[in-house]
N, C-alpha and C. Protein backbone atom coordinates (compact mmCIF):
# COMPACT_ATOMS: atom_id res chain seq x y z
N UNK A 1 2.72 -51.02 -17.88
CA UNK A 1 3.68 -49.93 -17.85
C UNK A 1 3.01 -48.57 -17.90
N UNK A 2 1.71 -48.55 -18.16
CA UNK A 2 1.01 -47.27 -18.22
C UNK A 2 1.13 -46.53 -16.89
N UNK A 3 1.08 -47.24 -15.78
CA UNK A 3 1.19 -46.60 -14.48
C UNK A 3 2.52 -45.90 -14.31
N UNK A 4 3.59 -46.52 -14.76
CA UNK A 4 4.91 -45.90 -14.66
C UNK A 4 4.97 -44.64 -15.51
N UNK A 5 4.39 -44.69 -16.68
CA UNK A 5 4.36 -43.51 -17.55
C UNK A 5 3.56 -42.38 -16.90
N UNK A 6 2.45 -42.74 -16.26
CA UNK A 6 1.64 -41.73 -15.56
C UNK A 6 2.42 -41.13 -14.40
N UNK A 7 3.12 -41.96 -13.66
CA UNK A 7 3.92 -41.48 -12.53
C UNK A 7 5.01 -40.53 -13.02
N UNK A 8 5.67 -40.88 -14.11
CA UNK A 8 6.73 -40.02 -14.65
C UNK A 8 6.14 -38.69 -15.13
N UNK A 9 4.96 -38.74 -15.73
CA UNK A 9 4.31 -37.52 -16.20
C UNK A 9 3.96 -36.64 -15.00
N UNK A 10 3.42 -37.24 -13.96
CA UNK A 10 3.07 -36.48 -12.76
C UNK A 10 4.31 -35.89 -12.11
N UNK A 11 5.41 -36.64 -12.10
CA UNK A 11 6.65 -36.13 -11.52
C UNK A 11 7.14 -34.92 -12.31
N UNK A 12 7.05 -34.98 -13.61
CA UNK A 12 7.45 -33.85 -14.45
C UNK A 12 6.58 -32.63 -14.20
N UNK A 13 5.28 -32.86 -14.03
CA UNK A 13 4.37 -31.75 -13.74
C UNK A 13 4.68 -31.13 -12.38
N UNK A 14 4.97 -31.99 -11.39
CA UNK A 14 5.29 -31.47 -10.07
C UNK A 14 6.60 -30.67 -10.11
N UNK A 15 7.55 -31.15 -10.88
CA UNK A 15 8.82 -30.43 -11.01
C UNK A 15 8.59 -29.05 -11.61
N UNK A 16 7.72 -28.95 -12.59
CA UNK A 16 7.40 -27.65 -13.20
C UNK A 16 6.70 -26.74 -12.18
N UNK A 17 5.79 -27.32 -11.39
CA UNK A 17 5.10 -26.52 -10.36
C UNK A 17 6.07 -26.05 -9.30
N UNK A 18 7.04 -26.90 -8.95
CA UNK A 18 8.07 -26.52 -7.97
C UNK A 18 8.91 -25.35 -8.49
N UNK A 19 9.28 -25.39 -9.76
CA UNK A 19 10.05 -24.30 -10.35
C UNK A 19 9.24 -23.01 -10.33
N UNK A 20 7.96 -23.10 -10.64
CA UNK A 20 7.10 -21.92 -10.58
C UNK A 20 7.01 -21.38 -9.15
N UNK A 21 6.90 -22.29 -8.18
CA UNK A 21 6.82 -21.88 -6.79
C UNK A 21 8.09 -21.15 -6.38
N UNK A 22 9.24 -21.67 -6.80
CA UNK A 22 10.51 -21.03 -6.46
C UNK A 22 10.56 -19.61 -7.01
N UNK A 23 10.08 -19.42 -8.23
CA UNK A 23 10.05 -18.08 -8.82
C UNK A 23 9.14 -17.15 -8.05
N UNK A 24 7.96 -17.67 -7.63
CA UNK A 24 7.04 -16.84 -6.85
C UNK A 24 7.65 -16.45 -5.52
N UNK A 25 8.35 -17.39 -4.89
CA UNK A 25 8.97 -17.09 -3.60
C UNK A 25 10.06 -16.03 -3.75
N UNK A 26 10.82 -16.11 -4.83
CA UNK A 26 11.86 -15.11 -5.06
C UNK A 26 11.24 -13.73 -5.27
N UNK A 27 10.06 -13.66 -5.86
CA UNK A 27 9.41 -12.39 -6.16
C UNK A 27 8.59 -11.86 -4.97
N UNK A 28 8.34 -12.72 -3.98
CA UNK A 28 7.54 -12.33 -2.82
C UNK A 28 8.42 -11.57 -1.83
N UNK A 29 7.85 -10.55 -1.22
CA UNK A 29 8.57 -9.76 -0.23
C UNK A 29 7.79 -9.76 1.08
N UNK A 30 8.48 -9.99 2.19
CA UNK A 30 7.86 -9.92 3.51
C UNK A 30 8.64 -8.93 4.35
N UNK A 31 7.95 -8.35 5.34
CA UNK A 31 8.61 -7.40 6.22
C UNK A 31 8.43 -7.86 7.66
N UNK A 32 9.55 -7.96 8.37
CA UNK A 32 9.52 -8.27 9.78
C UNK A 32 9.79 -7.00 10.56
N UNK A 33 9.17 -6.89 11.73
CA UNK A 33 9.33 -5.70 12.55
C UNK A 33 9.64 -6.07 13.99
N UNK A 34 10.26 -5.14 14.66
CA UNK A 34 10.45 -5.27 16.11
C UNK A 34 10.49 -3.86 16.70
N UNK A 35 10.38 -3.81 18.00
CA UNK A 35 10.41 -2.50 18.67
C UNK A 35 9.25 -1.62 18.25
N UNK A 36 8.09 -2.22 18.01
CA UNK A 36 6.93 -1.43 17.60
C UNK A 36 7.10 -0.78 16.24
N UNK A 37 7.86 -1.42 15.36
CA UNK A 37 8.07 -0.89 14.02
C UNK A 37 9.29 0.01 13.89
N UNK A 38 10.07 0.14 14.96
CA UNK A 38 11.26 0.98 14.90
C UNK A 38 12.38 0.33 14.09
N UNK A 39 12.36 -1.00 14.04
CA UNK A 39 13.32 -1.74 13.21
C UNK A 39 12.51 -2.62 12.26
N UNK A 40 12.81 -2.49 10.96
CA UNK A 40 12.10 -3.27 9.95
C UNK A 40 13.12 -3.97 9.05
N UNK A 41 12.82 -5.21 8.73
CA UNK A 41 13.67 -6.00 7.84
C UNK A 41 12.80 -6.52 6.71
N UNK A 42 13.27 -6.37 5.49
CA UNK A 42 12.56 -6.88 4.33
C UNK A 42 13.36 -8.03 3.74
N UNK A 43 12.65 -9.11 3.39
CA UNK A 43 13.33 -10.26 2.77
C UNK A 43 12.39 -10.91 1.78
N UNK A 44 12.99 -11.71 0.91
CA UNK A 44 12.20 -12.44 -0.08
C UNK A 44 11.57 -13.66 0.59
N UNK A 45 10.68 -14.29 -0.13
CA UNK A 45 10.08 -15.53 0.36
C UNK A 45 11.07 -16.66 0.50
N UNK A 46 12.27 -16.47 -0.06
CA UNK A 46 13.33 -17.46 0.07
C UNK A 46 14.34 -17.06 1.14
N UNK A 47 13.97 -16.12 2.02
CA UNK A 47 14.76 -15.68 3.17
C UNK A 47 16.05 -14.94 2.81
N UNK A 48 16.03 -14.22 1.70
CA UNK A 48 17.16 -13.37 1.34
C UNK A 48 16.82 -11.96 1.80
N UNK A 49 17.64 -11.42 2.72
CA UNK A 49 17.39 -10.09 3.25
C UNK A 49 17.69 -9.06 2.16
N UNK A 50 16.71 -8.18 1.92
CA UNK A 50 16.86 -7.16 0.88
C UNK A 50 16.90 -5.75 1.44
N UNK A 51 16.58 -5.60 2.72
CA UNK A 51 16.64 -4.26 3.29
C UNK A 51 16.49 -4.26 4.80
N UNK A 52 17.06 -3.23 5.42
CA UNK A 52 16.93 -3.01 6.85
C UNK A 52 16.66 -1.52 7.05
N UNK A 53 15.64 -1.19 7.84
CA UNK A 53 15.32 0.20 8.14
C UNK A 53 15.32 0.37 9.65
N UNK A 54 16.09 1.36 10.11
CA UNK A 54 16.21 1.62 11.55
C UNK A 54 15.77 3.05 11.81
N UNK A 55 14.82 3.21 12.72
CA UNK A 55 14.36 4.54 13.08
C UNK A 55 15.54 5.31 13.70
N UNK A 56 15.75 6.55 13.28
CA UNK A 56 16.89 7.34 13.79
C UNK A 56 16.91 7.48 15.31
N UNK A 57 15.76 7.38 15.95
CA UNK A 57 15.72 7.52 17.41
C UNK A 57 16.47 6.39 18.12
N UNK A 58 16.72 5.29 17.43
CA UNK A 58 17.40 4.15 18.04
C UNK A 58 18.92 4.23 17.93
N UNK A 59 19.42 5.13 17.13
CA UNK A 59 20.86 5.16 16.87
C UNK A 59 21.54 5.99 17.95
N UNK A 60 21.89 5.29 19.01
CA UNK A 60 22.58 5.89 20.16
C UNK A 60 23.69 4.93 20.57
N UNK A 61 24.87 5.45 20.71
CA UNK A 61 26.04 4.62 21.01
C UNK A 61 25.83 3.79 22.26
N UNK A 62 25.25 4.36 23.30
CA UNK A 62 25.09 3.63 24.56
C UNK A 62 23.96 2.60 24.52
N UNK A 63 23.20 2.53 23.43
CA UNK A 63 22.11 1.56 23.30
C UNK A 63 22.35 0.59 22.15
N UNK A 64 23.61 0.35 21.84
CA UNK A 64 24.00 -0.52 20.73
C UNK A 64 23.42 -1.92 20.88
N UNK A 65 23.48 -2.50 22.07
CA UNK A 65 23.00 -3.86 22.28
C UNK A 65 21.49 -3.96 22.07
N UNK A 66 20.75 -2.95 22.47
CA UNK A 66 19.30 -2.95 22.25
C UNK A 66 19.00 -2.96 20.76
N UNK A 67 19.70 -2.13 20.01
CA UNK A 67 19.51 -2.07 18.56
C UNK A 67 19.84 -3.41 17.91
N UNK A 68 20.94 -4.01 18.33
CA UNK A 68 21.32 -5.32 17.79
C UNK A 68 20.24 -6.36 18.07
N UNK A 69 19.69 -6.36 19.28
CA UNK A 69 18.62 -7.31 19.63
C UNK A 69 17.36 -7.07 18.79
N UNK A 70 17.04 -5.80 18.55
CA UNK A 70 15.87 -5.48 17.74
C UNK A 70 16.06 -5.92 16.29
N UNK A 71 17.27 -5.80 15.77
CA UNK A 71 17.54 -6.26 14.40
C UNK A 71 17.36 -7.77 14.30
N UNK A 72 17.89 -8.49 15.28
CA UNK A 72 17.74 -9.95 15.30
C UNK A 72 16.26 -10.32 15.37
N UNK A 73 15.50 -9.64 16.21
CA UNK A 73 14.07 -9.93 16.35
C UNK A 73 13.32 -9.65 15.05
N UNK A 74 13.66 -8.55 14.37
CA UNK A 74 13.01 -8.23 13.10
C UNK A 74 13.35 -9.26 12.04
N UNK A 75 14.61 -9.69 12.00
CA UNK A 75 15.01 -10.74 11.05
C UNK A 75 14.24 -12.02 11.29
N UNK A 76 14.12 -12.41 12.54
CA UNK A 76 13.38 -13.64 12.87
C UNK A 76 11.90 -13.51 12.52
N UNK A 77 11.33 -12.33 12.73
CA UNK A 77 9.94 -12.09 12.37
C UNK A 77 9.74 -12.24 10.86
N UNK A 78 10.63 -11.62 10.09
CA UNK A 78 10.53 -11.71 8.63
C UNK A 78 10.72 -13.15 8.17
N UNK A 79 11.67 -13.85 8.77
CA UNK A 79 11.94 -15.24 8.37
C UNK A 79 10.73 -16.13 8.64
N UNK A 80 10.07 -15.93 9.78
CA UNK A 80 8.90 -16.76 10.07
C UNK A 80 7.78 -16.48 9.09
N UNK A 81 7.65 -15.23 8.65
CA UNK A 81 6.63 -14.89 7.64
C UNK A 81 6.98 -15.53 6.30
N UNK A 82 8.26 -15.50 5.93
CA UNK A 82 8.69 -16.12 4.68
C UNK A 82 8.45 -17.62 4.72
N UNK A 83 8.72 -18.25 5.85
CA UNK A 83 8.50 -19.69 5.98
C UNK A 83 7.01 -20.04 5.89
N UNK A 84 6.17 -19.17 6.44
CA UNK A 84 4.73 -19.41 6.36
C UNK A 84 4.25 -19.34 4.91
N UNK A 85 4.78 -18.38 4.17
CA UNK A 85 4.43 -18.28 2.75
C UNK A 85 4.91 -19.52 2.00
N UNK A 86 6.12 -19.96 2.31
CA UNK A 86 6.66 -21.14 1.65
C UNK A 86 5.81 -22.37 1.96
N UNK A 87 5.34 -22.50 3.18
CA UNK A 87 4.51 -23.65 3.55
C UNK A 87 3.21 -23.65 2.75
N UNK A 88 2.60 -22.48 2.58
CA UNK A 88 1.36 -22.38 1.80
C UNK A 88 1.64 -22.74 0.34
N UNK A 89 2.72 -22.19 -0.20
CA UNK A 89 3.09 -22.48 -1.59
C UNK A 89 3.34 -23.98 -1.78
N UNK A 90 4.04 -24.57 -0.83
CA UNK A 90 4.37 -25.98 -0.92
C UNK A 90 3.13 -26.84 -0.88
N UNK A 91 2.17 -26.44 -0.04
CA UNK A 91 0.93 -27.20 0.06
C UNK A 91 0.16 -27.16 -1.26
N UNK A 92 0.20 -26.00 -1.95
CA UNK A 92 -0.51 -25.92 -3.23
C UNK A 92 0.20 -26.74 -4.30
N UNK A 93 1.51 -26.78 -4.25
CA UNK A 93 2.28 -27.54 -5.25
C UNK A 93 2.10 -29.04 -5.06
N UNK A 94 2.14 -29.48 -3.82
CA UNK A 94 2.10 -30.92 -3.55
C UNK A 94 0.68 -31.44 -3.34
N UNK A 95 -0.28 -30.55 -3.36
CA UNK A 95 -1.65 -30.98 -3.15
C UNK A 95 -1.89 -31.48 -1.75
N UNK A 96 -1.11 -30.99 -0.80
CA UNK A 96 -1.26 -31.39 0.59
C UNK A 96 -0.55 -32.67 0.96
N UNK A 97 0.14 -33.30 0.00
CA UNK A 97 0.89 -34.51 0.32
C UNK A 97 2.07 -34.17 1.21
N UNK A 98 2.36 -34.98 2.21
CA UNK A 98 3.50 -34.70 3.08
C UNK A 98 4.81 -34.88 2.30
N UNK A 99 5.75 -34.00 2.56
CA UNK A 99 7.08 -34.08 1.92
C UNK A 99 8.00 -34.84 2.87
N UNK A 100 8.75 -35.81 2.36
CA UNK A 100 9.63 -36.58 3.22
C UNK A 100 10.68 -35.71 3.90
N UNK A 101 11.06 -36.05 5.13
CA UNK A 101 12.11 -35.29 5.82
C UNK A 101 13.39 -35.29 5.00
N UNK A 102 14.06 -34.15 5.02
CA UNK A 102 15.33 -34.04 4.30
C UNK A 102 15.17 -33.68 2.83
N UNK A 103 13.94 -33.54 2.38
CA UNK A 103 13.69 -33.18 0.98
C UNK A 103 13.93 -31.69 0.85
N UNK A 104 15.07 -31.31 0.34
CA UNK A 104 15.46 -29.92 0.25
C UNK A 104 14.83 -29.21 -0.93
N UNK A 105 14.50 -27.93 -0.70
CA UNK A 105 13.96 -27.11 -1.79
C UNK A 105 14.93 -26.01 -2.04
């Protein structure tokens, strides 16, 4: 039964590391940009948008669709950066072990 006790201990340690990782991701900030930096989006490592900055030169009624596209592009840029940070964090927590599909964090 020693093996089962060791497995349970390791599971508890991994759970604690996962909780720490979640806290680090919440405290991490990434910035996505589009339009050469004219549109910037800031979000946490957990993909919560915390800010949007739009250069005043883009605010023109007849160019509304361009601005909307740039916001979407900046959001996607920030999200991909947040996901990259999460992947690195996850690798450190799991020691490089693959996580089963559908394992939600």
